[in-house]
PDB file of all heavy atoms in Angstrom:
ATOM      1  N   VAL A   1     -15.935 -16.075 -13.626  1.00  0.00           N
ATOM      2  CA  VAL A   1     -16.123 -15.494 -14.953  1.00  0.00           C
ATOM      3  C   VAL A   1     -17.604 -15.393 -15.299  1.00  0.00           C
ATOM      4  O   VAL A   1     -18.047 -14.417 -15.914  1.00  0.00           O
ATOM      5  CB  VAL A   1     -15.367 -16.326 -16.019  1.00  0.00           C
ATOM      6  CG1 VAL A   1     -15.744 -15.877 -17.427  1.00  0.00           C
ATOM      7  CG2 VAL A   1     -13.868 -16.225 -15.814  1.00  0.00           C
ATOM      8  N   ILE A   2     -18.389 -16.380 -14.880  1.00  0.00           N
ATOM      9  CA  ILE A   2     -19.792 -16.437 -15.304  1.00  0.00           C
ATOM     10  C   ILE A   2     -20.793 -16.247 -14.161  1.00  0.00           C
ATOM     11  O   ILE A   2     -22.000 -16.287 -14.388  1.00  0.00           O
ATOM     12  CB  ILE A   2     -20.078 -17.770 -16.036  1.00  0.00           C
ATOM     13  CG1 ILE A   2     -19.687 -19.006 -15.186  1.00  0.00           C
ATOM     14  CG2 ILE A   2     -19.325 -17.816 -17.353  1.00  0.00           C
ATOM     15  CD1 ILE A   2     -20.739 -19.469 -14.254  1.00  0.00           C
ATOM     16  N   ASN A   3     -20.318 -16.016 -12.944  1.00  0.00           N
ATOM     17  CA  ASN A   3     -21.231 -15.932 -11.795  1.00  0.00           C
ATOM     18  C   ASN A   3     -22.337 -14.893 -11.975  1.00  0.00           C
ATOM     19  O   ASN A   3     -23.499 -15.138 -11.639  1.00  0.00           O
ATOM     20  CB  ASN A   3     -20.452 -15.620 -10.517  1.00  0.00           C
ATOM     21  CG  ASN A   3     -19.833 -16.862  -9.912  1.00  0.00           C
ATOM     22  OD1 ASN A   3     -20.080 -17.971 -10.356  1.00  0.00           O
ATOM     23  ND2 ASN A   3     -19.005 -16.674  -8.893  1.00  0.00           N
ATOM     24  N   ASP A   4     -21.985 -13.719 -12.497  1.00  0.00           N
ATOM     25  CA  ASP A   4     -22.992 -12.661 -12.651  1.00  0.00           C
ATOM     26  C   ASP A   4     -24.026 -13.010 -13.711  1.00  0.00           C
ATOM     27  O   ASP A   4     -25.079 -12.364 -13.786  1.00  0.00           O
ATOM     28  CB  ASP A   4     -22.334 -11.323 -12.988  1.00  0.00           C
ATOM     29  CG  ASP A   4     -21.733 -10.645 -11.774  1.00  0.00           C
ATOM     30  OD1 ASP A   4     -21.976 -11.130 -10.646  1.00  0.00           O
ATOM     31  OD2 ASP A   4     -21.014  -9.641 -11.942  1.00  0.00           O
ATOM     32  N   CYS A   5     -23.732 -13.987 -14.559  1.00  0.00           N
ATOM     33  CA  CYS A   5     -24.681 -14.409 -15.588  1.00  0.00           C
ATOM     34  C   CYS A   5     -25.490 -15.626 -15.157  1.00  0.00           C
ATOM     35  O   CYS A   5     -26.335 -16.102 -15.921  1.00  0.00           O
ATOM     36  CB  CYS A   5     -23.939 -14.721 -16.892  1.00  0.00           C
ATOM     37  SG  CYS A   5     -23.605 -13.248 -17.876  1.00  0.00           S
ATOM     38  N   HIS A   6     -25.219 -16.136 -13.969  1.00  0.00           N
ATOM     39  CA  HIS A   6     -25.982 -17.307 -13.521  1.00  0.00           C
ATOM     40  C   HIS A   6     -27.427 -16.882 -13.260  1.00  0.00           C
ATOM     41  O   HIS A   6     -27.671 -15.863 -12.610  1.00  0.00           O
ATOM     42  CB  HIS A   6     -25.375 -17.898 -12.252  1.00  0.00           C
ATOM     43  CG  HIS A   6     -25.818 -19.301 -11.987  1.00  0.00           C
ATOM     44  ND1 HIS A   6     -27.104 -19.599 -11.602  1.00  0.00           N
ATOM     45  CD2 HIS A   6     -25.165 -20.493 -12.086  1.00  0.00           C
ATOM     46  CE1 HIS A   6     -27.222 -20.904 -11.449  1.00  0.00           C
ATOM     47  NE2 HIS A   6     -26.065 -21.477 -11.747  1.00  0.00           N
ATOM     48  N   PRO A   7     -28.406 -17.639 -13.776  1.00  0.00           N
ATOM     49  CA  PRO A   7     -29.813 -17.255 -13.591  1.00  0.00           C
ATOM     50  C   PRO A   7     -30.221 -17.083 -12.129  1.00  0.00           C
ATOM     51  O   PRO A   7     -31.146 -16.325 -11.830  1.00  0.00           O
ATOM     52  CB  PRO A   7     -30.582 -18.421 -14.232  1.00  0.00           C
ATOM     53  CG  PRO A   7     -29.623 -19.025 -15.200  1.00  0.00           C
ATOM     54  CD  PRO A   7     -28.259 -18.861 -14.584  1.00  0.00           C
ATOM     55  N   ASP A   8     -29.527 -17.775 -11.226  1.00  0.00           N
ATOM     56  CA  ASP A   8     -29.863 -17.665  -9.800  1.00  0.00           C
ATOM     57  C   ASP A   8     -29.098 -16.557  -9.093  1.00  0.00           C
ATOM     58  O   ASP A   8     -29.153 -16.464  -7.859  1.00  0.00           O
ATOM     59  CB  ASP A   8     -29.592 -19.009  -9.092  1.00  0.00           C
ATOM     60  CG  ASP A   8     -30.516 -20.109  -9.564  1.00  0.00           C
ATOM     61  OD1 ASP A   8     -31.618 -19.779 -10.040  1.00  0.00           O
ATOM     62  OD2 ASP A   8     -30.140 -21.290  -9.470  1.00  0.00           O
ATOM     63  N   ASN A   9     -28.381 -15.740  -9.852  1.00  0.00           N
ATOM     64  CA  ASN A   9     -27.542 -14.717  -9.215  1.00  0.00           C
ATOM     65  C   ASN A   9     -27.869 -13.315  -9.720  1.00  0.00           C
ATOM     66  O   ASN A   9     -27.001 -12.461  -9.824  1.00  0.00           O
ATOM     67  CB  ASN A   9     -26.058 -15.023  -9.459  1.00  0.00           C
ATOM     68  CG  ASN A   9     -25.156 -14.242  -8.524  1.00  0.00           C
ATOM     69  OD1 ASN A   9     -25.568 -13.842  -7.438  1.00  0.00           O
ATOM     70  ND2 ASN A   9     -23.923 -14.022  -8.930  1.00  0.00           N
ATOM     71  N   LYS A  10     -29.138 -13.072 -10.012  1.00  0.00           N
ATOM     72  CA  LYS A  10     -29.526 -11.733 -10.471  1.00  0.00           C
ATOM     73  C   LYS A  10     -29.327 -10.685  -9.386  1.00  0.00           C
ATOM     74  O   LYS A  10     -29.183  -9.493  -9.680  1.00  0.00           O
ATOM     75  CB  LYS A  10     -30.981 -11.739 -10.931  1.00  0.00           C
ATOM     76  CG  LYS A  10     -31.202 -12.492 -12.241  1.00  0.00           C
ATOM     77  CD  LYS A  10     -32.640 -12.362 -12.720  1.00  0.00           C
ATOM     78  CE  LYS A  10     -32.829 -13.050 -14.065  1.00  0.00           C
ATOM     79  NZ  LYS A  10     -34.201 -12.900 -14.579  1.00  0.00           N
ATOM     80  N   ILE A  11     -29.299 -11.109  -8.133  1.00  0.00           N
ATOM     81  CA  ILE A  11     -29.145 -10.163  -7.033  1.00  0.00           C
ATOM     82  C   ILE A  11     -27.823  -9.409  -7.140  1.00  0.00           C
ATOM     83  O   ILE A  11     -27.735  -8.228  -6.807  1.00  0.00           O
ATOM     84  CB  ILE A  11     -29.270 -10.869  -5.658  1.00  0.00           C
ATOM     85  CG1 ILE A  11     -29.359  -9.846  -4.531  1.00  0.00           C
ATOM     86  CG2 ILE A  11     -28.134 -11.836  -5.429  1.00  0.00           C
ATOM     87  CD1 ILE A  11     -30.632  -9.056  -4.528  1.00  0.00           C
ATOM     88  N   SER A  12     -26.770 -10.078  -7.645  1.00  0.00           N
ATOM     89  CA  SER A  12     -25.473  -9.405  -7.769  1.00  0.00           C
ATOM     90  C   SER A  12     -25.540  -8.285  -8.808  1.00  0.00           C
ATOM     91  O   SER A  12     -24.879  -7.258  -8.676  1.00  0.00           O
ATOM     92  CB  SER A  12     -24.365 -10.400  -8.130  1.00  0.00           C
ATOM     93  OG  SER A  12     -24.466 -10.804  -9.472  1.00  0.00           O
ATOM     94  N   VAL A  13     -26.360  -8.494  -9.865  1.00  0.00           N
ATOM     95  CA  VAL A  13     -26.530  -7.456 -10.879  1.00  0.00           C
ATOM     96  C   VAL A  13     -27.264  -6.263 -10.269  1.00  0.00           C
ATOM     97  O   VAL A  13     -26.913  -5.103 -10.505  1.00  0.00           O
ATOM     98  CB  VAL A  13     -27.299  -7.996 -12.097  1.00  0.00           C
ATOM     99  CG1 VAL A  13     -27.406  -6.914 -13.173  1.00  0.00           C
ATOM    100  CG2 VAL A  13     -26.617  -9.234 -12.663  1.00  0.00           C
ATOM    101  N   LEU A  14     -28.280  -6.551  -9.466  1.00  0.00           N
ATOM    102  CA  LEU A  14     -29.009  -5.474  -8.790  1.00  0.00           C
ATOM    103  C   LEU A  14     -28.080  -4.673  -7.889  1.00  0.00           C
ATOM    104  O   LEU A  14     -28.141  -3.444  -7.854  1.00  0.00           O
ATOM    105  CB  LEU A  14     -30.153  -6.056  -7.961  1.00  0.00           C
ATOM    106  CG  LEU A  14     -31.397  -6.518  -8.710  1.00  0.00           C
ATOM    107  CD1 LEU A  14     -32.414  -7.064  -7.718  1.00  0.00           C
ATOM    108  CD2 LEU A  14     -32.003  -5.388  -9.513  1.00  0.00           C
ATOM    109  N   GLU A  15     -27.233  -5.364  -7.149  1.00  0.00           N
ATOM    110  CA  GLU A  15     -26.322  -4.673  -6.228  1.00  0.00           C
ATOM    111  C   GLU A  15     -25.350  -3.778  -7.007  1.00  0.00           C
ATOM    112  O   GLU A  15     -25.059  -2.656  -6.587  1.00  0.00           O
ATOM    113  CB  GLU A  15     -25.577  -5.680  -5.364  1.00  0.00           C
ATOM    114  CG  GLU A  15     -26.481  -6.339  -4.319  1.00  0.00           C
ATOM    115  CD  GLU A  15     -25.767  -7.399  -3.504  1.00  0.00           C
ATOM    116  OE1 GLU A  15     -24.559  -7.638  -3.752  1.00  0.00           O
ATOM    117  OE2 GLU A  15     -26.408  -8.000  -2.622  1.00  0.00           O
ATOM    118  N   LYS A  16     -24.849  -4.280  -8.138  1.00  0.00           N
ATOM    119  CA  LYS A  16     -23.960  -3.462  -8.974  1.00  0.00           C
ATOM    120  C   LYS A  16     -24.693  -2.211  -9.467  1.00  0.00           C
ATOM    121  O   LYS A  16     -24.165  -1.101  -9.446  1.00  0.00           O
ATOM    122  CB  LYS A  16     -23.480  -4.270 -10.179  1.00  0.00           C
ATOM    123  CG  LYS A  16     -22.430  -5.322  -9.907  1.00  0.00           C
ATOM    124  CD  LYS A  16     -22.123  -6.092 -11.180  1.00  0.00           C
ATOM    125  CE  LYS A  16     -21.178  -7.251 -10.959  1.00  0.00           C
ATOM    126  NZ  LYS A  16     -19.801  -6.829 -10.712  1.00  0.00           N
ATOM    127  N   ALA A  17     -25.941  -2.421  -9.909  1.00  0.00           N
ATOM    128  CA  ALA A  17     -26.723  -1.310 -10.457  1.00  0.00           C
ATOM    129  C   ALA A  17     -27.022  -0.268  -9.387  1.00  0.00           C
ATOM    130  O   ALA A  17     -26.889   0.943  -9.621  1.00  0.00           O
ATOM    131  CB  ALA A  17     -28.018  -1.839 -11.062  1.00  0.00           C
ATOM    132  N   LEU A  18     -27.436  -0.732  -8.220  1.00  0.00           N
ATOM    133  CA  LEU A  18     -27.769   0.196  -7.146  1.00  0.00           C
ATOM    134  C   LEU A  18     -26.533   0.937  -6.642  1.00  0.00           C
ATOM    135  O   LEU A  18     -26.593   2.123  -6.311  1.00  0.00           O
ATOM    136  CB  LEU A  18     -28.456  -0.553  -6.000  1.00  0.00           C
ATOM    137  CG  LEU A  18     -29.852  -1.103  -6.327  1.00  0.00           C
ATOM    138  CD1 LEU A  18     -30.365  -1.962  -5.184  1.00  0.00           C
ATOM    139  CD2 LEU A  18     -30.835   0.021  -6.628  1.00  0.00           C
ATOM    140  N   TYR A  19     -25.407   0.218  -6.576  1.00  0.00           N
ATOM    141  CA  TYR A  19     -24.166   0.865  -6.146  1.00  0.00           C
ATOM    142  C   TYR A  19     -23.798   1.979  -7.124  1.00  0.00           C
ATOM    143  O   TYR A  19     -23.462   3.100  -6.725  1.00  0.00           O
ATOM    144  CB  TYR A  19     -23.031  -0.161  -6.070  1.00  0.00           C
ATOM    145  CG  TYR A  19     -21.784   0.368  -5.402  1.00  0.00           C
ATOM    146  CD1 TYR A  19     -21.556   0.173  -4.050  1.00  0.00           C
ATOM    147  CD2 TYR A  19     -20.842   1.099  -6.119  1.00  0.00           C
ATOM    148  CE1 TYR A  19     -20.421   0.678  -3.430  1.00  0.00           C
ATOM    149  CE2 TYR A  19     -19.711   1.606  -5.523  1.00  0.00           C
ATOM    150  CZ  TYR A  19     -19.504   1.394  -4.168  1.00  0.00           C
ATOM    151  OH  TYR A  19     -18.381   1.905  -3.567  1.00  0.00           O
ATOM    152  N   ASP A  20     -23.870   1.642  -8.416  1.00  0.00           N
ATOM    153  CA  ASP A  20     -23.504   2.621  -9.442  1.00  0.00           C
ATOM    154  C   ASP A  20     -24.436   3.831  -9.404  1.00  0.00           C
ATOM    155  O   ASP A  20     -24.009   4.976  -9.564  1.00  0.00           O
ATOM    156  CB  ASP A  20     -23.570   1.948 -10.821  1.00  0.00           C
ATOM    157  CG  ASP A  20     -23.144   2.891 -11.933  1.00  0.00           C
ATOM    158  OD1 ASP A  20     -21.918   3.036 -12.140  1.00  0.00           O
ATOM    159  OD2 ASP A  20     -24.013   3.482 -12.595  1.00  0.00           O
ATOM    160  N   GLN A  21     -25.716   3.575  -9.179  1.00  0.00           N
ATOM    161  CA  GLN A  21     -26.701   4.657  -9.226  1.00  0.00           C
ATOM    162  C   GLN A  21     -26.696   5.520  -7.966  1.00  0.00           C
ATOM    163  O   GLN A  21     -26.885   6.735  -8.042  1.00  0.00           O
ATOM    164  CB  GLN A  21     -28.101   4.068  -9.431  1.00  0.00           C
ATOM    165  CG  GLN A  21     -29.191   5.122  -9.594  1.00  0.00           C
ATOM    166  CD  GLN A  21     -30.535   4.514  -9.936  1.00  0.00           C
ATOM    167  OE1 GLN A  21     -30.653   3.306 -10.172  1.00  0.00           O
ATOM    168  NE2 GLN A  21     -31.564   5.329  -9.965  1.00  0.00           N
ATOM    169  N   TYR A  22     -26.466   4.884  -6.809  1.00  0.00           N
ATOM    170  CA  TYR A  22     -26.639   5.617  -5.549  1.00  0.00           C
ATOM    171  C   TYR A  22     -25.356   5.857  -4.758  1.00  0.00           C
ATOM    172  O   TYR A  22     -25.190   6.911  -4.153  1.00  0.00           O
ATOM    173  CB  TYR A  22     -27.634   4.875  -4.662  1.00  0.00           C
ATOM    174  CG  TYR A  22     -29.017   4.802  -5.261  1.00  0.00           C
ATOM    175  CD1 TYR A  22     -29.561   3.582  -5.670  1.00  0.00           C
ATOM    176  CD2 TYR A  22     -29.784   5.940  -5.441  1.00  0.00           C
ATOM    177  CE1 TYR A  22     -30.830   3.513  -6.241  1.00  0.00           C
ATOM    178  CE2 TYR A  22     -31.049   5.886  -6.010  1.00  0.00           C
ATOM    179  CZ  TYR A  22     -31.562   4.663  -6.402  1.00  0.00           C
ATOM    180  OH  TYR A  22     -32.817   4.608  -6.967  1.00  0.00           O
ATOM    181  N   ILE A  23     -24.450   4.870  -4.754  1.00  0.00           N
ATOM    182  CA  ILE A  23     -23.280   5.001  -3.892  1.00  0.00           C
ATOM    183  C   ILE A  23     -22.195   5.869  -4.519  1.00  0.00           C
ATOM    184  O   ILE A  23     -21.623   6.732  -3.853  1.00  0.00           O
ATOM    185  CB  ILE A  23     -22.707   3.613  -3.536  1.00  0.00           C
ATOM    186  CG1 ILE A  23     -23.760   2.791  -2.789  1.00  0.00           C
ATOM    187  CG2 ILE A  23     -21.448   3.756  -2.685  1.00  0.00           C
ATOM    188  CD1 ILE A  23     -24.246   3.415  -1.501  1.00  0.00           C
ATOM    189  N   GLU A  24     -21.884   5.665  -5.787  1.00  0.00           N
ATOM    190  CA  GLU A  24     -20.814   6.446  -6.412  1.00  0.00           C
ATOM    191  C   GLU A  24     -21.068   7.958  -6.324  1.00  0.00           C
ATOM    192  O   GLU A  24     -20.154   8.720  -6.006  1.00  0.00           O
ATOM    193  CB  GLU A  24     -20.601   6.004  -7.859  1.00  0.00           C
ATOM    194  CG  GLU A  24     -19.925   4.640  -7.950  1.00  0.00           C
ATOM    195  CD  GLU A  24     -19.437   4.310  -9.339  1.00  0.00           C
ATOM    196  OE1 GLU A  24     -19.628   5.148 -10.248  1.00  0.00           O
ATOM    197  OE2 GLU A  24     -18.875   3.226  -9.517  1.00  0.00           O
ATOM    198  N   PRO A  25     -22.297   8.433  -6.573  1.00  0.00           N
ATOM    199  CA  PRO A  25     -22.534   9.876  -6.402  1.00  0.00           C
ATOM    200  C   PRO A  25     -22.334  10.334  -4.950  1.00  0.00           C
ATOM    201  O   PRO A  25     -21.862  11.450  -4.710  1.00  0.00           O
ATOM    202  CB  PRO A  25     -23.996  10.055  -6.827  1.00  0.00           C
ATOM    203  CG  PRO A  25     -24.255   8.922  -7.763  1.00  0.00           C
ATOM    204  CD  PRO A  25     -23.463   7.782  -7.195  1.00  0.00           C
ATOM    205  N   LEU A  26     -22.687   9.467  -3.994  1.00  0.00           N
ATOM    206  CA  LEU A  26     -22.535   9.843  -2.579  1.00  0.00           C
ATOM    207  C   LEU A  26     -21.075  10.038  -2.206  1.00  0.00           C
ATOM    208  O   LEU A  26     -20.747  10.860  -1.346  1.00  0.00           O
ATOM    209  CB  LEU A  26     -23.145   8.761  -1.677  1.00  0.00           C
ATOM    210  CG  LEU A  26     -24.674   8.664  -1.644  1.00  0.00           C
ATOM    211  CD1 LEU A  26     -25.091   7.506  -0.757  1.00  0.00           C
ATOM    212  CD2 LEU A  26     -25.291   9.954  -1.148  1.00  0.00           C
ATOM    213  N   GLU A  27     -20.177   9.248  -2.840  1.00  0.00           N
ATOM    214  CA  GLU A  27     -18.759   9.349  -2.498  1.00  0.00           C
ATOM    215  C   GLU A  27     -18.176  10.716  -2.850  1.00  0.00           C
ATOM    216  O   GLU A  27     -17.133  11.112  -2.334  1.00  0.00           O
ATOM    217  CB  GLU A  27     -17.981   8.247  -3.225  1.00  0.00           C
ATOM    218  CG  GLU A  27     -18.318   6.849  -2.719  1.00  0.00           C
ATOM    219  CD  GLU A  27     -17.602   5.763  -3.498  1.00  0.00           C
ATOM    220  OE1 GLU A  27     -17.388   5.963  -4.704  1.00  0.00           O
ATOM    221  OE2 GLU A  27     -17.257   4.734  -2.904  1.00  0.00           O
ATOM    222  N   LYS A  28     -18.856  11.453  -3.707  1.00  0.00           N
ATOM    223  CA  LYS A  28     -18.357  12.759  -4.149  1.00  0.00           C
ATOM    224  C   LYS A  28     -18.953  13.907  -3.352  1.00  0.00           C
ATOM    225  O   LYS A  28     -18.574  15.059  -3.541  1.00  0.00           O
ATOM    226  CB  LYS A  28     -18.672  12.948  -5.640  1.00  0.00           C
ATOM    227  CG  LYS A  28     -18.055  11.868  -6.522  1.00  0.00           C
ATOM    228  CD  LYS A  28     -18.554  11.972  -7.955  1.00  0.00           C
ATOM    229  CE  LYS A  28     -18.022  10.839  -8.808  1.00  0.00           C
ATOM    230  NZ  LYS A  28     -18.558  10.866 -10.188  1.00  0.00           N
ATOM    231  N   LEU A  29     -19.895  13.602  -2.458  1.00  0.00           N
ATOM    232  CA  LEU A  29     -20.559  14.653  -1.703  1.00  0.00           C
ATOM    233  C   LEU A  29     -19.810  14.995  -0.417  1.00  0.00           C
ATOM    234  O   LEU A  29     -19.206  14.135   0.215  1.00  0.00           O
ATOM    235  CB  LEU A  29     -21.991  14.239  -1.350  1.00  0.00           C
ATOM    236  CG  LEU A  29     -22.972  14.080  -2.509  1.00  0.00           C
ATOM    237  CD1 LEU A  29     -24.320  13.607  -1.981  1.00  0.00           C
ATOM    238  CD2 LEU A  29     -23.141  15.387  -3.263  1.00  0.00           C
ATOM    239  N   ALA A  30     -19.875  16.224  -0.018  1.00  0.00           N
ATOM    240  CA  ALA A  30     -19.323  16.662   1.265  1.00  0.00           C
ATOM    241  C   ALA A  30     -20.345  17.599   1.897  1.00  0.00           C
ATOM    242  O   ALA A  30     -20.150  18.807   1.969  1.00  0.00           O
ATOM    243  CB  ALA A  30     -17.983  17.345   1.062  1.00  0.00           C
ATOM    244  N   LEU A  31     -21.456  17.032   2.322  1.00  0.00           N
ATOM    245  CA  LEU A  31     -22.544  17.841   2.868  1.00  0.00           C
ATOM    246  C   LEU A  31     -22.579  17.760   4.389  1.00  0.00           C
ATOM    247  O   LEU A  31     -22.233  16.748   4.982  1.00  0.00           O
ATOM    248  CB  LEU A  31     -23.887  17.338   2.309  1.00  0.00           C
ATOM    249  CG  LEU A  31     -24.026  17.343   0.781  1.00  0.00           C
ATOM    250  CD1 LEU A  31     -25.365  16.746   0.377  1.00  0.00           C
ATOM    251  CD2 LEU A  31     -23.913  18.770   0.250  1.00  0.00           C
ATOM    252  N   SER A  32     -22.999  18.818   5.006  1.00  0.00           N
ATOM    253  CA  SER A  32     -23.112  18.815   6.466  1.00  0.00           C
ATOM    254  C   SER A  32     -24.502  18.376   6.914  1.00  0.00           C
ATOM    255  O   SER A  32     -24.721  18.094   8.087  1.00  0.00           O
ATOM    256  CB  SER A  32     -22.816  20.221   7.016  1.00  0.00           C
ATOM    257  OG  SER A  32     -23.711  21.166   6.442  1.00  0.00           O
ATOM    258  N   ASP A  33     -25.435  18.321   5.994  1.00  0.00           N
ATOM    259  CA  ASP A  33     -26.812  17.917   6.311  1.00  0.00           C
ATOM    260  C   ASP A  33     -27.005  16.464   5.902  1.00  0.00           C
ATOM    261  O   ASP A  33     -27.041  16.149   4.714  1.00  0.00           O
ATOM    262  CB  ASP A  33     -27.789  18.823   5.555  1.00  0.00           C
ATOM    263  CG  ASP A  33     -29.243  18.375   5.719  1.00  0.00           C
ATOM    264  OD1 ASP A  33     -29.514  17.573   6.636  1.00  0.00           O
ATOM    265  OD2 ASP A  33     -30.086  18.834   4.927  1.00  0.00           O
ATOM    266  N   TRP A  34     -27.134  15.555   6.872  1.00  0.00           N
ATOM    267  CA  TRP A  34     -27.209  14.132   6.498  1.00  0.00           C
ATOM    268  C   TRP A  34     -28.492  13.808   5.750  1.00  0.00           C
ATOM    269  O   TRP A  34     -28.537  12.889   4.946  1.00  0.00           O
ATOM    270  CB  TRP A  34     -27.019  13.222   7.708  1.00  0.00           C
ATOM    271  CG  TRP A  34     -27.952  13.382   8.868  1.00  0.00           C
ATOM    272  CD1 TRP A  34     -27.689  14.042  10.030  1.00  0.00           C
ATOM    273  CD2 TRP A  34     -29.266  12.845   9.009  1.00  0.00           C
ATOM    274  NE1 TRP A  34     -28.755  13.973  10.880  1.00  0.00           N
ATOM    275  CE2 TRP A  34     -29.741  13.225  10.281  1.00  0.00           C
ATOM    276  CE3 TRP A  34     -30.098  12.086   8.200  1.00  0.00           C
ATOM    277  CZ2 TRP A  34     -30.999  12.878  10.755  1.00  0.00           C
ATOM    278  CZ3 TRP A  34     -31.352  11.730   8.659  1.00  0.00           C
ATOM    279  CH2 TRP A  34     -31.790  12.125   9.924  1.00  0.00           C
ATOM    280  N   ARG A  35     -29.540  14.584   5.980  1.00  0.00           N
ATOM    281  CA  ARG A  35     -30.763  14.359   5.193  1.00  0.00           C
ATOM    282  C   ARG A  35     -30.519  14.664   3.713  1.00  0.00           C
ATOM    283  O   ARG A  35     -31.053  14.006   2.831  1.00  0.00           O
ATOM    284  CB  ARG A  35     -31.910  15.217   5.733  1.00  0.00           C
ATOM    285  CG  ARG A  35     -32.477  14.715   7.052  1.00  0.00           C
ATOM    286  CD  ARG A  35     -33.606  15.603   7.542  1.00  0.00           C
ATOM    287  NE  ARG A  35     -34.178  15.126   8.787  1.00  0.00           N
ATOM    288  CZ  ARG A  35     -33.662  15.325   9.985  1.00  0.00           C
ATOM    289  NH1 ARG A  35     -32.523  16.002  10.089  1.00  0.00           N
ATOM    290  NH2 ARG A  35     -34.249  14.856  11.064  1.00  0.00           N
ATOM    291  N   GLY A  36     -29.690  15.672   3.463  1.00  0.00           N
ATOM    292  CA  GLY A  36     -29.340  16.006   2.090  1.00  0.00           C
ATOM    293  C   GLY A  36     -28.554  14.893   1.413  1.00  0.00           C
ATOM    294  O   GLY A  36     -28.722  14.631   0.223  1.00  0.00           O
ATOM    295  N   ILE A  37     -27.695  14.227   2.186  1.00  0.00           N
ATOM    296  CA  ILE A  37     -26.919  13.120   1.628  1.00  0.00           C
ATOM    297  C   ILE A  37     -27.834  11.978   1.204  1.00  0.00           C
ATOM    298  O   ILE A  37     -27.574  11.289   0.221  1.00  0.00           O
ATOM    299  CB  ILE A  37     -25.886  12.622   2.670  1.00  0.00           C
ATOM    300  CG1 ILE A  37     -24.873  13.735   2.974  1.00  0.00           C
ATOM    301  CG2 ILE A  37     -25.160  11.371   2.164  1.00  0.00           C
ATOM    302  CD1 ILE A  37     -23.874  13.392   4.051  1.00  0.00           C
ATOM    303  N   LEU A  38     -28.930  11.791   1.921  1.00  0.00           N
ATOM    304  CA  LEU A  38     -29.814  10.654   1.663  1.00  0.00           C
ATOM    305  C   LEU A  38     -30.838  10.903   0.559  1.00  0.00           C
ATOM    306  O   LEU A  38     -31.533   9.976   0.142  1.00  0.00           O
ATOM    307  CB  LEU A  38     -30.558  10.276   2.949  1.00  0.00           C
ATOM    308  CG  LEU A  38     -29.693   9.773   4.120  1.00  0.00           C
ATOM    309  CD1 LEU A  38     -30.546   9.579   5.355  1.00  0.00           C
ATOM    310  CD2 LEU A  38     -28.992   8.477   3.740  1.00  0.00           C
ATOM    311  N   THR A  39     -30.935  12.129   0.078  1.00  0.00           N
ATOM    312  CA  THR A  39     -32.011  12.445  -0.871  1.00  0.00           C
ATOM    313  C   THR A  39     -31.904  11.678  -2.189  1.00  0.00           C
ATOM    314  O   THR A  39     -32.898  11.513  -2.896  1.00  0.00           O
ATOM    315  CB  THR A  39     -32.055  13.948  -1.193  1.00  0.00           C
ATOM    316  OG1 THR A  39     -30.753  14.378  -1.635  1.00  0.00           O
ATOM    317  CG2 THR A  39     -32.464  14.747   0.030  1.00  0.00           C
ATOM    318  N   ASN A  40     -30.721  11.195  -2.533  1.00  0.00           N
ATOM    319  CA  ASN A  40     -30.551  10.482  -3.796  1.00  0.00           C
ATOM    320  C   ASN A  40     -30.982   9.013  -3.718  1.00  0.00           C
ATOM    321  O   ASN A  40     -31.083   8.341  -4.743  1.00  0.00           O
ATOM    322  CB  ASN A  40     -29.074  10.555  -4.231  1.00  0.00           C
ATOM    323  CG  ASN A  40     -28.854  10.044  -5.636  1.00  0.00           C
ATOM    324  OD1 ASN A  40     -29.573  10.426  -6.545  1.00  0.00           O
ATOM    325  ND2 ASN A  40     -27.884   9.156  -5.810  1.00  0.00           N
ATOM    326  N   LEU A  41     -31.200   8.518  -2.507  1.00  0.00           N
ATOM    327  CA  LEU A  41     -31.536   7.100  -2.333  1.00  0.00           C
ATOM    328  C   LEU A  41     -32.995   6.836  -2.715  1.00  0.00           C
ATOM    329  O   LEU A  41     -33.815   7.762  -2.770  1.00  0.00           O
ATOM    330  CB  LEU A  41     -31.308   6.684  -0.879  1.00  0.00           C
ATOM    331  CG  LEU A  41     -29.861   6.731  -0.383  1.00  0.00           C
ATOM    332  CD1 LEU A  41     -29.813   6.376   1.099  1.00  0.00           C
ATOM    333  CD2 LEU A  41     -28.971   5.799  -1.180  1.00  0.00           C
ATOM    334  N   PRO A  42     -33.338   5.543  -2.974  1.00  0.00           N
ATOM    335  CA  PRO A  42     -34.753   5.211  -3.224  1.00  0.00           C
ATOM    336  C   PRO A  42     -35.619   5.707  -2.079  1.00  0.00           C
ATOM    337  O   PRO A  42     -35.226   5.612  -0.909  1.00  0.00           O
ATOM    338  CB  PRO A  42     -34.736   3.677  -3.292  1.00  0.00           C
ATOM    339  CG  PRO A  42     -33.337   3.316  -3.664  1.00  0.00           C
ATOM    340  CD  PRO A  42     -32.464   4.354  -3.034  1.00  0.00           C
ATOM    341  N   LYS A  43     -36.795   6.232  -2.378  1.00  0.00           N
ATOM    342  CA  LYS A  43     -37.639   6.879  -1.372  1.00  0.00           C
ATOM    343  C   LYS A  43     -37.934   6.002  -0.153  1.00  0.00           C
ATOM    344  O   LYS A  43     -37.828   6.469   0.995  1.00  0.00           O
ATOM    345  CB  LYS A  43     -38.949   7.354  -2.009  1.00  0.00           C
ATOM    346  CG  LYS A  43     -38.771   8.434  -3.071  1.00  0.00           C
ATOM    347  CD  LYS A  43     -38.116   9.681  -2.504  1.00  0.00           C
ATOM    348  CE  LYS A  43     -37.954  10.752  -3.574  1.00  0.00           C
ATOM    349  NZ  LYS A  43     -37.216  11.936  -3.062  1.00  0.00           N
TER     350      LYS A  43
END
C-alpha cells in the first residue's frame, strides 16, 4: 500500500512515469521503421 511512497523507493515512481510517457504511446504504433519507433524515447 505504501511502497511507492517510501523515501527510498523513488525509483518506482520514475519507472511509472517513464512507462507512461514512453511505453504506452509505443504500444499504439505500427511502424516499419524501427528508428521511427525510437524517436519518442529520451535522446
